[in-house]
Structures are given as structure tokens and as C-alpha cells.
Amino acid sequence: MVLDPGRNAHQAIKKARQYINEGYTWVVDIDLEKYFDTVNHHKLMSLIAREVEDKRVWKLIRAYLNLRGND
């Protein structure tokens, strides 16, 4: 579930209730924007390289990290 700019907290709660009714028992709340401000980009890319063979995907992720100015 994502709280996007086009959505509000009421819609997020409604979606959360739907997930509960479907049997989900865990809720995880993360702020990915802040995650990418603190994660070691070199280590992240090393882990991605282990799992993702397509170097085009690597380039897209690297470009995103570089746009954030944290590389």
C-alpha cells in the first residue's frame, strides 16, 4: 500500500482494512525516500548485481541514485 500524493489517509486506512480482512497480519511502514538518503549506494549496487543480471536495470537504479545526489 502506498500513500501517493493523489491519495489521502482515509484511502490508506480503507486499503489497510481490506488487507486485514484478507488475512494479512503484518503492517510495515517505511519511508523509502529517507532510506535512499542513508543507504550505502555501493553496497546496494553490489547486492543488486548479485540478483539482477540485466545491466540496463543497474543503469536505471544508478541513475536514480545519482539524481538524488547521494552517490
Protein backbone atom coordinates (compact mmCIF):
# COMPACT_ATOMS: atom_id res chain seq x y z
CA MET A 1 0.00 0.00 0.00
CA VAL A 2 1.38 3.38 -0.92
CA LEU A 3 0.20 6.77 0.22
CA ASP A 4 0.68 8.67 -3.02
CA PRO A 5 0.19 12.40 -3.49
CA GLY A 6 -3.09 11.59 -5.29
CA ARG A 7 -4.39 9.61 -2.31
CA ASN A 8 -5.29 10.58 1.22
CA ALA A 9 -5.01 8.98 4.65
CA HIS A 10 -8.64 7.81 4.57
CA GLN A 11 -7.98 5.82 1.41
CA ALA A 12 -4.86 4.32 3.02
CA ILE A 13 -6.86 3.23 6.07
CA LYS A 14 -9.56 1.73 3.86
CA LYS A 15 -6.91 -0.25 1.97
CA ALA A 16 -5.30 -1.38 5.23
CA ARG A 17 -8.67 -2.66 6.47
CA GLN A 18 -9.09 -4.55 3.21
CA TYR A 19 -5.74 -6.24 3.75
CA ILE A 20 -6.71 -7.16 7.33
CA ASN A 21 -9.95 -8.70 6.07
CA GLU A 22 -7.92 -10.71 3.55
CA GLY A 23 -5.93 -12.25 6.40
CA TYR A 24 -2.77 -10.17 6.43
CA THR A 25 -1.34 -9.82 9.93
CA TRP A 26 1.71 -7.59 9.42
CA VAL A 27 2.00 -3.90 8.64
CA VAL A 28 5.29 -2.42 7.56
CA ASP A 29 5.67 1.33 7.27
CA ILE A 30 8.78 2.63 5.57
CA ASP A 31 9.87 5.89 4.06
CA LEU A 32 11.89 4.86 1.03
CA GLU A 33 12.92 8.41 0.29
CA LYS A 34 14.79 8.63 3.58
CA TYR A 35 16.13 5.10 3.09
CA PHE A 36 17.91 6.16 -0.08
CA ASP A 37 19.34 9.17 1.76
CA THR A 38 21.14 6.86 4.19
CA VAL A 39 21.85 3.60 2.36
CA ASN A 40 25.37 2.85 1.18
CA HIS A 41 24.93 3.08 -2.58
CA HIS A 42 28.00 0.99 -3.39
CA LYS A 43 26.77 -1.86 -1.19
CA LEU A 44 23.24 -1.55 -2.58
CA MET A 45 24.53 -1.83 -6.14
CA SER A 46 26.65 -4.85 -5.18
CA LEU A 47 23.60 -6.61 -3.76
CA ILE A 48 21.53 -5.73 -6.80
CA ALA A 49 24.25 -7.05 -9.11
CA ARG A 50 24.07 -10.43 -7.34
CA GLU A 51 20.35 -10.76 -8.04
CA VAL A 52 19.76 -8.85 -11.27
CA GLU A 53 21.55 -9.87 -14.44
CA ASP A 54 20.19 -7.13 -16.70
CA LYS A 55 22.73 -4.30 -16.67
CA ARG A 56 20.08 -1.93 -18.01
CA VAL A 57 18.32 -2.27 -14.68
CA TRP A 58 21.59 -1.45 -12.91
CA LYS A 59 21.93 1.69 -15.01
CA LEU A 60 18.40 2.80 -14.18
CA ILE A 61 18.96 2.32 -10.47
CA ARG A 62 22.34 4.06 -10.60
CA ALA A 63 20.77 6.98 -12.49
CA TYR A 64 18.08 7.28 -9.81
CA LEU A 65 20.68 7.25 -7.05
CA ASN A 66 22.75 9.86 -8.88
CA LEU A 67 19.72 12.12 -9.31
CA ARG A 68 19.33 12.13 -5.57
CA GLY A 69 22.86 13.50 -5.27
CA ASN A 70 23.95 10.92 -2.73
CA ASP A 71 26.45 8.88 -4.65
